[in-house]
């Protein structure tokens, strides 16, 4: 093959990779199949305590997931995750009216 043909093939490969790996095709497919992620809440609608996450650091283990007082065992309050449900918004992440 001549050099020009190889350059065109390489360019098409790069463009195709950018579309597939960059998520453009995936986003289009998600729209068609209905697998879109939920829209991000606007800042003014987010819970001021958890910032829209619905979870806050566990007060028992200070967000570490382990209780040092008992030899570093997993925290029973957060099941070792380091986060518990936000009581202000009841885990919804939205501002309570």
Protein backbone atom coordinates (compact mmCIF):
# COMPACT_ATOMS: atom_id res chain seq x y z
CA UNK A 1 0.00 0.00 0.00
CA UNK A 2 1.15 3.46 -0.59
CA UNK A 3 1.79 5.91 2.19
CA UNK A 4 -1.33 8.02 1.59
CA UNK A 5 -3.66 5.03 1.97
CA UNK A 6 -1.94 4.06 5.23
CA UNK A 7 -2.33 7.60 6.54
CA UNK A 8 -6.07 7.60 5.72
CA UNK A 9 -6.54 4.23 7.43
CA UNK A 10 -4.63 5.45 10.49
CA UNK A 11 -6.69 8.63 10.64
CA UNK A 12 -9.93 6.66 10.41
CA UNK A 13 -8.73 4.35 13.15
CA UNK A 14 -7.92 7.31 15.44
CA UNK A 15 -11.29 8.98 14.77
CA UNK A 16 -13.13 5.70 15.33
CA UNK A 17 -11.25 5.07 18.56
CA UNK A 18 -12.04 8.58 19.79
CA UNK A 19 -15.74 8.12 19.09
CA UNK A 20 -15.97 4.69 20.69
CA UNK A 21 -13.64 5.26 23.59
CA UNK A 22 -14.66 8.86 24.15
CA UNK A 23 -18.19 7.80 24.93
CA UNK A 24 -20.03 9.51 22.08
CA UNK A 25 -21.38 6.23 20.74
CA UNK A 26 -22.02 4.97 24.29
CA UNK A 27 -23.97 8.10 25.21
CA UNK A 28 -26.07 7.76 22.09
CA UNK A 29 -26.70 4.09 22.88
CA UNK A 30 -27.62 4.95 26.47
CA UNK A 31 -30.17 7.48 25.24
CA UNK A 32 -31.73 4.90 22.93
CA UNK A 33 -31.83 2.11 25.55
CA UNK A 34 -32.82 4.37 28.45
CA UNK A 35 -29.67 3.67 30.49
CA UNK A 36 -28.85 7.33 30.97
CA UNK A 37 -27.48 8.27 34.39
CA UNK A 38 -29.85 10.35 36.48
CA UNK A 39 -29.47 14.10 35.93
CA UNK A 40 -27.24 15.89 38.41
CA UNK A 41 -29.22 17.95 40.87
CA UNK A 42 -28.63 21.66 40.72
CA UNK A 43 -26.65 23.01 43.64
CA UNK A 44 -29.61 24.93 45.04
CA UNK A 45 -31.67 21.69 45.20
CA UNK A 46 -28.95 19.63 46.89
CA UNK A 47 -29.01 18.80 50.57
CA UNK A 48 -26.63 21.24 52.31
CA UNK A 49 -25.39 18.55 54.70
CA UNK A 50 -24.45 15.72 52.30
CA UNK A 51 -24.03 17.90 49.16
CA UNK A 52 -26.43 15.68 47.19
CA UNK A 53 -24.67 12.39 47.99
CA UNK A 54 -27.31 11.10 50.42
CA UNK A 55 -24.55 9.84 52.71
CA UNK A 56 -22.33 11.46 55.33
CA UNK A 57 -19.19 10.23 57.14
CA UNK A 58 -20.03 7.77 59.90
CA UNK A 59 -19.85 9.48 63.32
CA UNK A 60 -18.77 6.28 65.09
CA UNK A 61 -15.65 5.58 63.01
CA UNK A 62 -15.14 9.12 61.62
CA UNK A 63 -15.57 7.84 58.08
CA UNK A 64 -12.75 5.28 58.25
CA UNK A 65 -14.97 2.19 58.29
CA UNK A 66 -13.00 0.74 61.21
CA UNK A 67 -13.26 1.21 64.98
CA UNK A 68 -9.78 1.54 66.48
CA UNK A 69 -11.04 1.23 70.07
CA UNK A 70 -11.85 -2.41 69.35
CA UNK A 71 -8.63 -3.30 67.54
CA UNK A 72 -9.55 -1.90 64.14
CA UNK A 73 -12.60 -4.08 63.55
CA UNK A 74 -15.13 -3.04 60.88
CA UNK A 75 -17.56 -0.43 62.17
CA UNK A 76 -20.98 -1.88 63.01
CA UNK A 77 -22.84 1.38 62.40
CA UNK A 78 -21.72 1.80 58.76
CA UNK A 79 -20.86 -1.86 58.04
CA UNK A 80 -17.30 -0.84 57.27
CA UNK A 81 -18.19 1.58 54.47
CA UNK A 82 -17.35 4.74 56.42
CA UNK A 83 -20.64 6.39 55.39
CA UNK A 84 -24.15 6.44 56.80
CA UNK A 85 -27.45 7.81 55.50
CA UNK A 86 -27.85 11.57 55.78
CA UNK A 87 -30.56 12.22 58.34
CA UNK A 88 -31.26 15.74 57.05
CA UNK A 89 -32.51 14.53 53.65
CA UNK A 90 -33.16 10.88 54.61
CA UNK A 91 -30.59 9.73 52.06
CA UNK A 92 -32.25 11.39 49.05
CA UNK A 93 -29.61 14.06 48.53
CA UNK A 94 -32.25 16.74 47.91
CA UNK A 95 -33.04 19.77 49.98
CA UNK A 96 -35.94 19.14 52.36
CA UNK A 97 -38.63 21.79 52.20
